[in-house]
Amino acid sequence: RSLGYTVPDGIVPIVPIILGDDMQVFKTWGELMEHGVYTNVAVSPAVPEGQQMIRIRLMSTHDEEHVERILDAFSKVKSGVLV
């Protein structure tokens, strides 16, 4: 949330980052891949219009370094920094 993304409240193993637009989801997904972060997409009609999202799966094997790498990639994507 502090990076400017819409993330619902709650602690869940699959974290939804709502982007609200199919094209924005695919653009963000591709840029995250370029930064070495694999995510899943959920776009319409699988989700309601305006709720399109990137989903991140967190596991107990992820450590703080992994989470920091993911957050760094999201920060770079948000600010337009490419690899």
PDB file of N, CA and C in Angstrom:
ATOM      1  N   ARG A   1       0.820  -1.198   0.000  1.00  0.00           N
ATOM      2  CA  ARG A   1       0.000   0.000   0.000  1.00  0.00           C
ATOM      3  C   ARG A   1       0.862   1.260   0.000  1.00  0.00           C
ATOM      4  N   SER A   2       1.972   1.198   0.745  1.00  0.00           N
ATOM      5  CA  SER A   2       2.837   2.387   0.825  1.00  0.00           C
ATOM      6  C   SER A   2       3.480   2.712  -0.526  1.00  0.00           C
ATOM      7  N   LEU A   3       3.478   1.783  -1.461  1.00  0.00           N
ATOM      8  CA  LEU A   3       4.010   2.030  -2.799  1.00  0.00           C
ATOM      9  C   LEU A   3       2.955   2.613  -3.739  1.00  0.00           C
ATOM     10  N   GLY A   4       1.731   2.731  -3.244  1.00  0.00           N
ATOM     11  CA  GLY A   4       0.667   3.314  -4.050  1.00  0.00           C
ATOM     12  C   GLY A   4      -0.231   2.312  -4.748  1.00  0.00           C
ATOM     13  N   TYR A   5      -0.139   1.058  -4.363  1.00  0.00           N
ATOM     14  CA  TYR A   5      -0.989   0.020  -4.941  1.00  0.00           C
ATOM     15  C   TYR A   5      -2.206  -0.224  -4.048  1.00  0.00           C
ATOM     16  N   THR A   6      -3.288  -0.703  -4.657  1.00  0.00           N
ATOM     17  CA  THR A   6      -4.492  -1.046  -3.912  1.00  0.00           C
ATOM     18  C   THR A   6      -4.415  -2.513  -3.511  1.00  0.00           C
ATOM     19  N   VAL A   7      -4.302  -2.746  -2.204  1.00  0.00           N
ATOM     20  CA  VAL A   7      -4.202  -4.096  -1.655  1.00  0.00           C
ATOM     21  C   VAL A   7      -5.248  -4.218  -0.552  1.00  0.00           C
ATOM     22  N   PRO A   8      -6.179  -5.165  -0.661  1.00  0.00           N
ATOM     23  CA  PRO A   8      -7.204  -5.322   0.378  1.00  0.00           C
ATOM     24  C   PRO A   8      -6.590  -5.655   1.742  1.00  0.00           C
ATOM     25  N   ASP A   9      -7.333  -5.337   2.793  1.00  0.00           N
ATOM     26  CA  ASP A   9      -6.913  -5.676   4.155  1.00  0.00           C
ATOM     27  C   ASP A   9      -6.934  -7.185   4.345  1.00  0.00           C
ATOM     28  N   GLY A  10      -6.149  -7.633   5.308  1.00  0.00           N
ATOM     29  CA  GLY A  10      -6.148  -9.049   5.663  1.00  0.00           C
ATOM     30  C   GLY A  10      -4.809  -9.697   5.382  1.00  0.00           C
ATOM     31  N   ILE A  11      -4.562 -10.780   6.082  1.00  0.00           N
ATOM     32  CA  ILE A  11      -3.348 -11.562   5.889  1.00  0.00           C
ATOM     33  C   ILE A  11      -3.758 -12.848   5.190  1.00  0.00           C
ATOM     34  N   VAL A  12      -3.315 -12.984   3.943  1.00  0.00           N
ATOM     35  CA  VAL A  12      -3.685 -14.137   3.127  1.00  0.00           C
ATOM     36  C   VAL A  12      -2.451 -14.639   2.368  1.00  0.00           C
ATOM     37  N   PRO A  13      -2.413 -15.925   2.005  1.00  0.00           N
ATOM     38  CA  PRO A  13      -1.249 -16.440   1.287  1.00  0.00           C
ATOM     39  C   PRO A  13      -1.176 -15.979  -0.166  1.00  0.00           C
ATOM     40  N   ILE A  14      -2.303 -15.616  -0.747  1.00  0.00           N
ATOM     41  CA  ILE A  14      -2.321 -15.072  -2.107  1.00  0.00           C
ATOM     42  C   ILE A  14      -2.768 -13.616  -2.002  1.00  0.00           C
ATOM     43  N   VAL A  15      -1.828 -12.724  -2.248  1.00  0.00           N
ATOM     44  CA  VAL A  15      -2.076 -11.298  -2.065  1.00  0.00           C
ATOM     45  C   VAL A  15      -2.538 -10.682  -3.376  1.00  0.00           C
ATOM     46  N   PRO A  16      -3.756 -10.111  -3.398  1.00  0.00           N
ATOM     47  CA  PRO A  16      -4.234  -9.449  -4.608  1.00  0.00           C
ATOM     48  C   PRO A  16      -3.800  -7.980  -4.636  1.00  0.00           C
ATOM     49  N   ILE A  17      -3.260  -7.565  -5.767  1.00  0.00           N
ATOM     50  CA  ILE A  17      -2.936  -6.157  -5.985  1.00  0.00           C
ATOM     51  C   ILE A  17      -3.866  -5.699  -7.100  1.00  0.00           C
ATOM     52  N   ILE A  18      -4.869  -4.940  -6.735  1.00  0.00           N
ATOM     53  CA  ILE A  18      -5.917  -4.552  -7.679  1.00  0.00           C
ATOM     54  C   ILE A  18      -5.436  -3.368  -8.516  1.00  0.00           C
ATOM     55  N   LEU A  19      -5.428  -3.584  -9.838  1.00  0.00           N
ATOM     56  CA  LEU A  19      -5.013  -2.536 -10.765  1.00  0.00           C
ATOM     57  C   LEU A  19      -6.194  -1.978 -11.538  1.00  0.00           C
ATOM     58  N   GLY A  20      -7.283  -2.765 -11.653  1.00  0.00           N
ATOM     59  CA  GLY A  20      -8.540  -2.261 -12.190  1.00  0.00           C
ATOM     60  C   GLY A  20      -8.648  -2.120 -13.694  1.00  0.00           C
ATOM     61  N   ASP A  21      -7.674  -2.636 -14.446  1.00  0.00           N
ATOM     62  CA  ASP A  21      -7.717  -2.482 -15.895  1.00  0.00           C
ATOM     63  C   ASP A  21      -6.917  -3.616 -16.527  1.00  0.00           C
ATOM     64  N   ASP A  22      -7.493  -4.296 -17.515  1.00  0.00           N
ATOM     65  CA  ASP A  22      -6.812  -5.431 -18.141  1.00  0.00           C
ATOM     66  C   ASP A  22      -5.442  -5.052 -18.682  1.00  0.00           C
ATOM     67  N   MET A  23      -5.360  -3.961 -19.425  1.00  0.00           N
ATOM     68  CA  MET A  23      -4.090  -3.562 -20.036  1.00  0.00           C
ATOM     69  C   MET A  23      -3.047  -3.218 -18.971  1.00  0.00           C
ATOM     70  N   GLN A  24      -3.460  -2.554 -17.912  1.00  0.00           N
ATOM     71  CA  GLN A  24      -2.522  -2.219 -16.839  1.00  0.00           C
ATOM     72  C   GLN A  24      -2.015  -3.479 -16.143  1.00  0.00           C
ATOM     73  N   VAL A  25      -2.887  -4.459 -15.984  1.00  0.00           N
ATOM     74  CA  VAL A  25      -2.488  -5.723 -15.369  1.00  0.00           C
ATOM     75  C   VAL A  25      -1.421  -6.402 -16.225  1.00  0.00           C
ATOM     76  N   PHE A  26      -1.645  -6.504 -17.528  1.00  0.00           N
ATOM     77  CA  PHE A  26      -0.681  -7.184 -18.388  1.00  0.00           C
ATOM     78  C   PHE A  26       0.629  -6.402 -18.500  1.00  0.00           C
ATOM     79  N   LYS A  27       0.551  -5.094 -18.520  1.00  0.00           N
ATOM     80  CA  LYS A  27       1.766  -4.265 -18.548  1.00  0.00           C
ATOM     81  C   LYS A  27       2.571  -4.473 -17.269  1.00  0.00           C
ATOM     82  N   THR A  28       1.908  -4.420 -16.133  1.00  0.00           N
ATOM     83  CA  THR A  28       2.579  -4.605 -14.842  1.00  0.00           C
ATOM     84  C   THR A  28       3.144  -6.011 -14.732  1.00  0.00           C
ATOM     85  N   TRP A  29       2.365  -7.012 -15.148  1.00  0.00           N
ATOM     86  CA  TRP A  29       2.817  -8.401 -15.120  1.00  0.00           C
ATOM     87  C   TRP A  29       4.113  -8.562 -15.915  1.00  0.00           C
ATOM     88  N   GLY A  30       4.151  -8.013 -17.127  1.00  0.00           N
ATOM     89  CA  GLY A  30       5.331  -8.122 -17.972  1.00  0.00           C
ATOM     90  C   GLY A  30       6.543  -7.429 -17.373  1.00  0.00           C
ATOM     91  N   GLU A  31       6.336  -6.258 -16.815  1.00  0.00           N
ATOM     92  CA  GLU A  31       7.441  -5.523 -16.212  1.00  0.00           C
ATOM     93  C   GLU A  31       7.964  -6.226 -14.960  1.00  0.00           C
ATOM     94  N   LEU A  32       7.066  -6.801 -14.167  1.00  0.00           N
ATOM     95  CA  LEU A  32       7.512  -7.563 -13.001  1.00  0.00           C
ATOM     96  C   LEU A  32       8.341  -8.772 -13.438  1.00  0.00           C
ATOM     97  N   MET A  33       7.924  -9.440 -14.518  1.00  0.00           N
ATOM     98  CA  MET A  33       8.697 -10.573 -15.047  1.00  0.00           C
ATOM     99  C   MET A  33      10.101 -10.122 -15.443  1.00  0.00           C
ATOM    100  N   GLU A  34      10.202  -8.940 -16.054  1.00  0.00           N
ATOM    101  CA  GLU A  34      11.511  -8.405 -16.434  1.00  0.00           C
ATOM    102  C   GLU A  34      12.397  -8.176 -15.214  1.00  0.00           C
ATOM    103  N   HIS A  35      11.787  -7.928 -14.072  1.00  0.00           N
ATOM    104  CA  HIS A  35      12.513  -7.742 -12.817  1.00  0.00           C
ATOM    105  C   HIS A  35      12.689  -9.051 -12.054  1.00  0.00           C
ATOM    106  N   GLY A  36      12.281 -10.169 -12.657  1.00  0.00           N
ATOM    107  CA  GLY A  36      12.481 -11.472 -12.043  1.00  0.00           C
ATOM    108  C   GLY A  36      11.432 -11.883 -11.034  1.00  0.00           C
ATOM    109  N   VAL A  37      10.262 -11.232 -11.081  1.00  0.00           N
ATOM    110  CA  VAL A  37       9.185 -11.556 -10.138  1.00  0.00           C
ATOM    111  C   VAL A  37       8.021 -12.163 -10.908  1.00  0.00           C
ATOM    112  N   TYR A  38       7.696 -13.421 -10.587  1.00  0.00           N
ATOM    113  CA  TYR A  38       6.593 -14.111 -11.238  1.00  0.00           C
ATOM    114  C   TYR A  38       5.305 -13.860 -10.454  1.00  0.00           C
ATOM    115  N   THR A  39       4.262 -13.452 -11.164  1.00  0.00           N
ATOM    116  CA  THR A  39       2.946 -13.243 -10.566  1.00  0.00           C
ATOM    117  C   THR A  39       1.900 -13.892 -11.468  1.00  0.00           C
ATOM    118  N   ASN A  40       0.684 -13.956 -10.986  1.00  0.00           N
ATOM    119  CA  ASN A  40      -0.450 -14.413 -11.778  1.00  0.00           C
ATOM    120  C   ASN A  40      -1.367 -13.231 -12.027  1.00  0.00           C
ATOM    121  N   VAL A  41      -2.104 -13.297 -13.125  1.00  0.00           N
ATOM    122  CA  VAL A  41      -3.071 -12.241 -13.422  1.00  0.00           C
ATOM    123  C   VAL A  41      -4.483 -12.777 -13.263  1.00  0.00           C
ATOM    124  N   ALA A  42      -5.383 -11.882 -12.948  1.00  0.00           N
ATOM    125  CA  ALA A  42      -6.814 -12.180 -12.926  1.00  0.00           C
ATOM    126  C   ALA A  42      -7.504 -10.996 -13.592  1.00  0.00           C
ATOM    127  N   VAL A  43      -8.043 -11.241 -14.786  1.00  0.00           N
ATOM    128  CA  VAL A  43      -8.687 -10.185 -15.560  1.00  0.00           C
ATOM    129  C   VAL A  43     -10.120 -10.576 -15.879  1.00  0.00           C
ATOM    130  N   SER A  44     -10.875  -9.608 -16.390  1.00  0.00           N
ATOM    131  CA  SER A  44     -12.259  -9.890 -16.741  1.00  0.00           C
ATOM    132  C   SER A  44     -12.289 -10.878 -17.904  1.00  0.00           C
ATOM    133  N   PRO A  45     -13.218 -11.803 -17.936  1.00  0.00           N
ATOM    134  CA  PRO A  45     -14.406 -11.932 -17.106  1.00  0.00           C
ATOM    135  C   PRO A  45     -14.200 -12.765 -15.837  1.00  0.00           C
ATOM    136  N   ALA A  46     -12.960 -13.196 -15.541  1.00  0.00           N
ATOM    137  CA  ALA A  46     -12.729 -13.995 -14.331  1.00  0.00           C
ATOM    138  C   ALA A  46     -12.976 -13.196 -13.054  1.00  0.00           C
ATOM    139  N   VAL A  47     -12.784 -11.888 -13.134  1.00  0.00           N
ATOM    140  CA  VAL A  47     -13.076 -10.992 -12.012  1.00  0.00           C
ATOM    141  C   VAL A  47     -13.965  -9.873 -12.541  1.00  0.00           C
ATOM    142  N   PRO A  48     -14.734  -9.224 -11.673  1.00  0.00           N
ATOM    143  CA  PRO A  48     -15.602  -8.140 -12.144  1.00  0.00           C
ATOM    144  C   PRO A  48     -14.787  -6.989 -12.746  1.00  0.00           C
ATOM    145  N   GLU A  49     -15.372  -6.326 -13.714  1.00  0.00           N
ATOM    146  CA  GLU A  49     -14.765  -5.146 -14.317  1.00  0.00           C
ATOM    147  C   GLU A  49     -14.361  -4.166 -13.215  1.00  0.00           C
ATOM    148  N   GLY A  50     -13.146  -3.654 -13.286  1.00  0.00           N
ATOM    149  CA  GLY A  50     -12.637  -2.733 -12.270  1.00  0.00           C
ATOM    150  C   GLY A  50     -11.886  -3.416 -11.142  1.00  0.00           C
ATOM    151  N   GLN A  51     -11.926  -4.755 -11.110  1.00  0.00           N
ATOM    152  CA  GLN A  51     -11.246  -5.523 -10.059  1.00  0.00           C
ATOM    153  C   GLN A  51     -10.074  -6.350 -10.610  1.00  0.00           C
ATOM    154  N   GLN A  52      -9.665  -6.068 -11.837  1.00  0.00           N
ATOM    155  CA  GLN A  52      -8.561  -6.811 -12.432  1.00  0.00           C
ATOM    156  C   GLN A  52      -7.321  -6.657 -11.549  1.00  0.00           C
ATOM    157  N   MET A  53      -6.546  -7.744 -11.438  1.00  0.00           N
ATOM    158  CA  MET A  53      -5.469  -7.739 -10.446  1.00  0.00           C
ATOM    159  C   MET A  53      -4.288  -8.604 -10.838  1.00  0.00           C
ATOM    160  N   ILE A  54      -3.195  -8.329 -10.131  1.00  0.00           N
ATOM    161  CA  ILE A  54      -2.007  -9.179 -10.084  1.00  0.00           C
ATOM    162  C   ILE A  54      -2.124  -9.934  -8.756  1.00  0.00           C
ATOM    163  N   ARG A  55      -1.744 -11.209  -8.754  1.00  0.00           N
ATOM    164  CA  ARG A  55      -1.778 -11.964  -7.493  1.00  0.00           C
ATOM    165  C   ARG A  55      -0.392 -12.509  -7.196  1.00  0.00           C
ATOM    166  N   ILE A  56       0.025 -12.355  -5.946  1.00  0.00           N
ATOM    167  CA  ILE A  56       1.322 -12.850  -5.493  1.00  0.00           C
ATOM    168  C   ILE A  56       1.068 -13.970  -4.499  1.00  0.00           C
ATOM    169  N   ARG A  57       1.738 -15.077  -4.683  1.00  0.00           N
ATOM    170  CA  ARG A  57       1.611 -16.206  -3.754  1.00  0.00           C
ATOM    171  C   ARG A  57       2.811 -16.216  -2.821  1.00  0.00           C
ATOM    172  N   LEU A  58       2.539 -16.081  -1.554  1.00  0.00           N
ATOM    173  CA  LEU A  58       3.601 -16.121  -0.550  1.00  0.00           C
ATOM    174  C   LEU A  58       3.587 -17.466   0.159  1.00  0.00           C
ATOM    175  N   MET A  59       4.785 -17.999   0.414  1.00  0.00           N
ATOM    176  CA  MET A  59       4.907 -19.299   1.080  1.00  0.00           C
ATOM    177  C   MET A  59       5.859 -19.170   2.263  1.00  0.00           C
ATOM    178  N   SER A  60       5.830 -20.170   3.111  1.00  0.00           N
ATOM    179  CA  SER A  60       6.700 -20.148   4.285  1.00  0.00           C
ATOM    180  C   SER A  60       8.175 -20.216   3.897  1.00  0.00           C
ATOM    181  N   THR A  61       8.475 -20.635   2.677  1.00  0.00           N
ATOM    182  CA  THR A  61       9.863 -20.690   2.227  1.00  0.00           C
ATOM    183  C   THR A  61      10.396 -19.336   1.759  1.00  0.00           C
ATOM    184  N   HIS A  62       9.505 -18.364   1.595  1.00  0.00           N
ATOM    185  CA  HIS A  62       9.958 -17.005   1.269  1.00  0.00           C
ATOM    186  C   HIS A  62      10.509 -16.359   2.538  1.00  0.00           C
ATOM    187  N   ASP A  63      11.684 -15.794   2.423  1.00  0.00           N
ATOM    188  CA  ASP A  63      12.243 -15.095   3.582  1.00  0.00           C
ATOM    189  C   ASP A  63      12.171 -13.587   3.339  1.00  0.00           C
ATOM    190  N   GLU A  64      12.692 -12.831   4.280  1.00  0.00           N
ATOM    191  CA  GLU A  64      12.601 -11.367   4.194  1.00  0.00           C
ATOM    192  C   GLU A  64      13.274 -10.840   2.927  1.00  0.00           C
ATOM    193  N   GLU A  65      14.366 -11.454   2.528  1.00  0.00           N
ATOM    194  CA  GLU A  65      15.071 -11.029   1.309  1.00  0.00           C
ATOM    195  C   GLU A  65      14.180 -11.182   0.072  1.00  0.00           C
ATOM    196  N   HIS A  66      13.432 -12.284   0.006  1.00  0.00           N
ATOM    197  CA  HIS A  66      12.513 -12.495  -1.116  1.00  0.00           C
ATOM    198  C   HIS A  66      11.443 -11.405  -1.147  1.00  0.00           C
ATOM    199  N   VAL A  67      10.871 -11.139   0.005  1.00  0.00           N
ATOM    200  CA  VAL A  67       9.805 -10.138   0.088  1.00  0.00           C
ATOM    201  C   VAL A  67      10.351  -8.765  -0.294  1.00  0.00           C
ATOM    202  N   GLU A  68      11.540  -8.424   0.156  1.00  0.00           N
ATOM    203  CA  GLU A  68      12.157  -7.137  -0.198  1.00  0.00           C
ATOM    204  C   GLU A  68      12.395  -7.046  -1.706  1.00  0.00           C
ATOM    205  N   ARG A  69      12.804  -8.152  -2.325  1.00  0.00           N
ATOM    206  CA  ARG A  69      13.021  -8.165  -3.774  1.00  0.00           C
ATOM    207  C   ARG A  69      11.713  -7.915  -4.513  1.00  0.00           C
ATOM    208  N   ILE A  70      10.650  -8.547  -4.054  1.00  0.00           N
ATOM    209  CA  ILE A  70       9.335  -8.349  -4.666  1.00  0.00           C
ATOM    210  C   ILE A  70       8.894  -6.898  -4.520  1.00  0.00           C
ATOM    211  N   LEU A  71       9.020  -6.351  -3.321  1.00  0.00           N
ATOM    212  CA  LEU A  71       8.616  -4.959  -3.087  1.00  0.00           C
ATOM    213  C   LEU A  71       9.465  -3.990  -3.912  1.00  0.00           C
ATOM    214  N   ASP A  72      10.748  -4.282  -4.038  1.00  0.00           N
ATOM    215  CA  ASP A  72      11.630  -3.443  -4.854  1.00  0.00           C
ATOM    216  C   ASP A  72      11.184  -3.462  -6.309  1.00  0.00           C
ATOM    217  N   ALA A  73      10.830  -4.634  -6.811  1.00  0.00           N
ATOM    218  CA  ALA A  73      10.357  -4.739  -8.196  1.00  0.00           C
ATOM    219  C   ALA A  73       9.057  -3.955  -8.381  1.00  0.00           C
ATOM    220  N   PHE A  74       8.122  -4.085  -7.446  1.00  0.00           N
ATOM    221  CA  PHE A  74       6.876  -3.318  -7.544  1.00  0.00           C
ATOM    222  C   PHE A  74       7.145  -1.820  -7.509  1.00  0.00           C
ATOM    223  N   SER A  75       8.093  -1.407  -6.692  1.00  0.00           N
ATOM    224  CA  SER A  75       8.455   0.010  -6.611  1.00  0.00           C
ATOM    225  C   SER A  75       9.026   0.498  -7.943  1.00  0.00           C
ATOM    226  N   LYS A  76       9.908  -0.279  -8.530  1.00  0.00           N
ATOM    227  CA  LYS A  76      10.512   0.094  -9.814  1.00  0.00           C
ATOM    228  C   LYS A  76       9.467   0.147 -10.920  1.00  0.00           C
ATOM    229  N   VAL A  77       8.551  -0.824 -10.920  1.00  0.00           N
ATOM    230  CA  VAL A  77       7.492  -0.828 -11.937  1.00  0.00           C
ATOM    231  C   VAL A  77       6.616   0.409 -11.770  1.00  0.00           C
ATOM    232  N   LYS A  78       6.277   0.741 -10.540  1.00  0.00           N
ATOM    233  CA  LYS A  78       5.412   1.901 -10.270  1.00  0.00           C
ATOM    234  C   LYS A  78       6.082   3.188 -10.750  1.00  0.00           C
ATOM    235  N   SER A  79       7.404   3.287 -10.547  1.00  0.00           N
ATOM    236  CA  SER A  79       8.118   4.516 -10.902  1.00  0.00           C
ATOM    237  C   SER A  79       8.608   4.499 -12.351  1.00  0.00           C
ATOM    238  N   GLY A  80       8.364   3.392 -13.066  1.00  0.00           N
ATOM    239  CA  GLY A  80       8.730   3.330 -14.476  1.00  0.00           C
ATOM    240  C   GLY A  80      10.167   2.929 -14.750  1.00  0.00           C
ATOM    241  N   VAL A  81      10.855   2.380 -13.754  1.00  0.00           N
ATOM    242  CA  VAL A  81      12.231   1.938 -13.945  1.00  0.00           C
ATOM    243  C   VAL A  81      12.242   0.567 -14.605  1.00  0.00           C
ATOM    244  N   LEU A  82      12.872   0.468 -15.759  1.00  0.00           N
ATOM    245  CA  LEU A  82      12.967  -0.814 -16.447  1.00  0.00           C
ATOM    246  C   LEU A  82      14.310  -1.448 -16.143  1.00  0.00           C
ATOM    247  N   VAL A  83      14.399  -2.728 -16.437  1.00  0.00           N
ATOM    248  CA  VAL A  83      15.634  -3.496 -16.163  1.00  0.00           C
ATOM    249  C   VAL A  83      16.721  -3.015 -17.092  1.00  0.00           C
TER     250      VAL A  83
END
